[in-house]
Amino acid sequence: MLSTTTLLEAQKNQTVKWASSDSKTVKVSKKSVNTAKVKGLKEGTATITATVAYKSKTDKKVATCKVKVSGTA
């Protein structure tokens, strides 16, 4: 599981959008407003991106996490 933490009051009611750079290697699915489930599908790497726009669509905050998958069944 990955989650985000908002520090500004204005960000508390915003939805986080989650994405995987390689959805055939790593699947990311939203679980709640600020939490996502990450599942490795095959060996490789992918970058998970969490994006929130809290004042306007152009005023975005982005965080990334690189995920390495090995030994999938």
N, C-alpha and C. Protein backbone atom coordinates (compact mmCIF):
# COMPACT_ATOMS: atom_id res chain seq x y z
N MET A 1 0.84 -1.17 0.00
CA MET A 1 0.00 0.00 0.00
C MET A 1 0.89 1.24 0.00
N LEU A 2 0.46 2.22 -0.72
CA LEU A 2 1.08 3.54 -0.69
C LEU A 2 0.03 4.53 -0.24
N SER A 3 0.46 5.55 0.46
CA SER A 3 -0.49 6.59 0.87
C SER A 3 0.17 7.95 0.81
N THR A 4 -0.66 8.97 0.74
CA THR A 4 -0.18 10.35 0.73
C THR A 4 -0.63 11.02 2.02
N THR A 5 0.10 12.05 2.41
CA THR A 5 -0.26 12.86 3.57
C THR A 5 -0.32 14.31 3.12
N THR A 6 -1.44 14.98 3.35
CA THR A 6 -1.54 16.39 3.00
C THR A 6 -1.24 17.24 4.22
N LEU A 7 -0.40 18.23 4.02
CA LEU A 7 0.02 19.07 5.13
C LEU A 7 -0.71 20.41 5.18
N LEU A 8 -1.25 20.82 4.06
CA LEU A 8 -1.95 22.09 4.02
C LEU A 8 -3.44 21.87 4.17
N GLU A 9 -4.11 22.73 4.90
CA GLU A 9 -5.56 22.62 5.11
C GLU A 9 -6.31 22.58 3.78
N ALA A 10 -5.86 23.36 2.81
CA ALA A 10 -6.53 23.42 1.51
C ALA A 10 -6.47 22.10 0.75
N GLN A 11 -5.53 21.23 1.10
CA GLN A 11 -5.37 19.98 0.38
C GLN A 11 -6.18 18.83 0.97
N LYS A 12 -6.75 18.98 2.12
CA LYS A 12 -7.37 17.86 2.82
C LYS A 12 -8.56 17.25 2.10
N ASN A 13 -9.27 18.00 1.29
CA ASN A 13 -10.45 17.48 0.61
C ASN A 13 -10.18 17.11 -0.84
N GLN A 14 -8.95 16.98 -1.21
CA GLN A 14 -8.61 16.70 -2.60
C GLN A 14 -8.39 15.21 -2.83
N THR A 15 -8.69 14.78 -4.02
CA THR A 15 -8.51 13.39 -4.41
C THR A 15 -7.15 13.23 -5.08
N VAL A 16 -6.48 12.16 -4.74
CA VAL A 16 -5.19 11.85 -5.34
C VAL A 16 -5.42 10.95 -6.55
N LYS A 17 -4.75 11.26 -7.65
CA LYS A 17 -4.80 10.42 -8.84
C LYS A 17 -3.51 9.60 -8.88
N TRP A 18 -3.66 8.30 -9.03
CA TRP A 18 -2.54 7.36 -9.02
C TRP A 18 -2.29 6.83 -10.43
N ALA A 19 -1.02 6.60 -10.78
CA ALA A 19 -0.68 6.04 -12.09
C ALA A 19 0.59 5.22 -12.00
N SER A 20 0.70 4.22 -12.86
CA SER A 20 1.90 3.40 -12.99
C SER A 20 2.53 3.69 -14.34
N SER A 21 3.84 3.81 -14.39
CA SER A 21 4.52 4.05 -15.66
C SER A 21 4.51 2.80 -16.55
N ASP A 22 4.29 1.63 -15.94
CA ASP A 22 4.24 0.38 -16.69
C ASP A 22 3.18 -0.52 -16.05
N SER A 23 1.95 -0.41 -16.52
CA SER A 23 0.85 -1.15 -15.91
C SER A 23 0.90 -2.65 -16.17
N LYS A 24 1.77 -3.10 -17.06
CA LYS A 24 1.94 -4.54 -17.28
C LYS A 24 2.90 -5.14 -16.24
N THR A 25 3.69 -4.29 -15.59
CA THR A 25 4.63 -4.73 -14.56
C THR A 25 4.07 -4.48 -13.17
N VAL A 26 3.54 -3.29 -12.95
CA VAL A 26 3.00 -2.90 -11.65
C VAL A 26 1.62 -2.27 -11.84
N LYS A 27 0.63 -2.84 -11.17
CA LYS A 27 -0.73 -2.30 -11.21
C LYS A 27 -0.95 -1.47 -9.96
N VAL A 28 -1.53 -0.29 -10.11
CA VAL A 28 -1.87 0.55 -8.97
C VAL A 28 -3.37 0.82 -9.02
N SER A 29 -4.04 0.59 -7.90
CA SER A 29 -5.48 0.82 -7.83
C SER A 29 -5.82 1.62 -6.58
N LYS A 30 -6.66 2.61 -6.76
CA LYS A 30 -7.06 3.49 -5.67
C LYS A 30 -7.89 2.72 -4.64
N LYS A 31 -7.56 2.86 -3.36
CA LYS A 31 -8.31 2.22 -2.29
C LYS A 31 -9.18 3.22 -1.52
N SER A 32 -8.69 4.43 -1.34
CA SER A 32 -9.43 5.49 -0.66
C SER A 32 -8.96 6.83 -1.23
N VAL A 33 -9.35 7.92 -0.60
CA VAL A 33 -8.99 9.25 -1.11
C VAL A 33 -7.48 9.40 -1.27
N ASN A 34 -6.71 8.90 -0.33
CA ASN A 34 -5.25 9.10 -0.39
C ASN A 34 -4.45 7.81 -0.27
N THR A 35 -5.04 6.66 -0.57
CA THR A 35 -4.34 5.38 -0.45
C THR A 35 -4.54 4.55 -1.71
N ALA A 36 -3.46 3.88 -2.13
CA ALA A 36 -3.53 3.02 -3.31
C ALA A 36 -2.88 1.68 -3.01
N LYS A 37 -3.38 0.64 -3.65
CA LYS A 37 -2.81 -0.71 -3.56
C LYS A 37 -1.91 -0.89 -4.77
N VAL A 38 -0.71 -1.39 -4.53
CA VAL A 38 0.26 -1.63 -5.60
C VAL A 38 0.47 -3.13 -5.71
N LYS A 39 0.37 -3.68 -6.92
CA LYS A 39 0.51 -5.12 -7.13
C LYS A 39 1.53 -5.38 -8.24
N GLY A 40 2.56 -6.17 -7.93
CA GLY A 40 3.53 -6.57 -8.94
C GLY A 40 2.95 -7.67 -9.81
N LEU A 41 3.02 -7.50 -11.12
CA LEU A 41 2.47 -8.46 -12.06
C LEU A 41 3.54 -9.31 -12.74
N LYS A 42 4.71 -8.71 -12.98
CA LYS A 42 5.83 -9.44 -13.57
C LYS A 42 7.12 -8.73 -13.16
N GLU A 43 8.24 -9.42 -13.32
CA GLU A 43 9.52 -8.81 -12.94
C GLU A 43 9.81 -7.57 -13.77
N GLY A 44 10.36 -6.57 -13.11
CA GLY A 44 10.70 -5.32 -13.77
C GLY A 44 10.56 -4.15 -12.81
N THR A 45 10.60 -2.95 -13.35
CA THR A 45 10.45 -1.75 -12.53
C THR A 45 9.39 -0.83 -13.14
N ALA A 46 8.82 -0.04 -12.29
CA ALA A 46 7.84 0.97 -12.72
C ALA A 46 7.87 2.11 -11.71
N THR A 47 7.45 3.26 -12.13
CA THR A 47 7.33 4.41 -11.26
C THR A 47 5.86 4.67 -10.98
N ILE A 48 5.50 4.73 -9.71
CA ILE A 48 4.15 5.06 -9.30
C ILE A 48 4.11 6.57 -9.07
N THR A 49 3.10 7.22 -9.63
CA THR A 49 2.95 8.67 -9.49
C THR A 49 1.64 8.99 -8.79
N ALA A 50 1.71 9.85 -7.79
CA ALA A 50 0.53 10.37 -7.10
C ALA A 50 0.45 11.86 -7.40
N THR A 51 -0.71 12.30 -7.91
CA THR A 51 -0.88 13.70 -8.29
C THR A 51 -2.12 14.27 -7.61
N VAL A 52 -1.98 15.46 -7.03
CA VAL A 52 -3.12 16.15 -6.45
C VAL A 52 -3.10 17.60 -6.93
N ALA A 53 -4.25 18.09 -7.37
CA ALA A 53 -4.40 19.49 -7.77
C ALA A 53 -5.29 20.14 -6.72
N TYR A 54 -4.73 21.01 -5.89
CA TYR A 54 -5.50 21.51 -4.75
C TYR A 54 -6.06 22.91 -4.89
N LYS A 55 -5.58 23.72 -5.82
CA LYS A 55 -6.18 25.04 -6.03
C LYS A 55 -6.78 25.14 -7.41
N SER A 56 -6.11 24.55 -8.37
CA SER A 56 -6.61 24.52 -9.74
C SER A 56 -5.92 23.37 -10.45
N LYS A 57 -6.36 23.07 -11.65
CA LYS A 57 -5.76 21.96 -12.40
C LYS A 57 -4.31 22.22 -12.76
N THR A 58 -3.90 23.49 -12.76
CA THR A 58 -2.51 23.81 -13.08
C THR A 58 -1.64 23.90 -11.84
N ASP A 59 -2.22 23.90 -10.67
CA ASP A 59 -1.48 24.00 -9.41
C ASP A 59 -1.41 22.61 -8.79
N LYS A 60 -0.53 21.77 -9.34
CA LYS A 60 -0.45 20.37 -8.94
C LYS A 60 0.76 20.09 -8.07
N LYS A 61 0.62 19.09 -7.24
CA LYS A 61 1.73 18.54 -6.47
C LYS A 61 1.86 17.08 -6.90
N VAL A 62 3.08 16.66 -7.15
CA VAL A 62 3.32 15.31 -7.66
C VAL A 62 4.39 14.63 -6.81
N ALA A 63 4.15 13.36 -6.49
CA ALA A 63 5.14 12.54 -5.79
C ALA A 63 5.30 11.24 -6.57
N THR A 64 6.52 10.71 -6.59
CA THR A 64 6.77 9.47 -7.30
C THR A 64 7.48 8.47 -6.39
N CYS A 65 7.32 7.20 -6.73
CA CYS A 65 7.95 6.12 -6.00
C CYS A 65 8.34 5.05 -7.01
N LYS A 66 9.62 4.69 -7.06
CA LYS A 66 10.07 3.65 -7.98
C LYS A 66 9.87 2.29 -7.30
N VAL A 67 9.27 1.35 -8.04
CA VAL A 67 8.97 0.02 -7.51
C VAL A 67 9.69 -1.02 -8.36
N LYS A 68 10.40 -1.94 -7.69
CA LYS A 68 11.07 -3.04 -8.38
C LYS A 68 10.35 -4.34 -8.01
N VAL A 69 9.97 -5.10 -9.02
CA VAL A 69 9.26 -6.37 -8.80
C VAL A 69 10.21 -7.51 -9.17
N SER A 70 10.33 -8.46 -8.25
CA SER A 70 11.14 -9.65 -8.53
C SER A 70 10.49 -10.87 -7.89
N GLY A 71 10.65 -12.02 -8.52
CA GLY A 71 10.15 -13.27 -7.96
C GLY A 71 8.65 -13.40 -7.91
N THR A 72 7.95 -12.97 -8.96
CA THR A 72 6.50 -13.11 -8.97
C THR A 72 6.12 -14.57 -9.24
N ALA A 73 4.98 -14.97 -8.71
CA ALA A 73 4.54 -16.36 -8.89
C ALA A 73 3.62 -16.49 -10.07
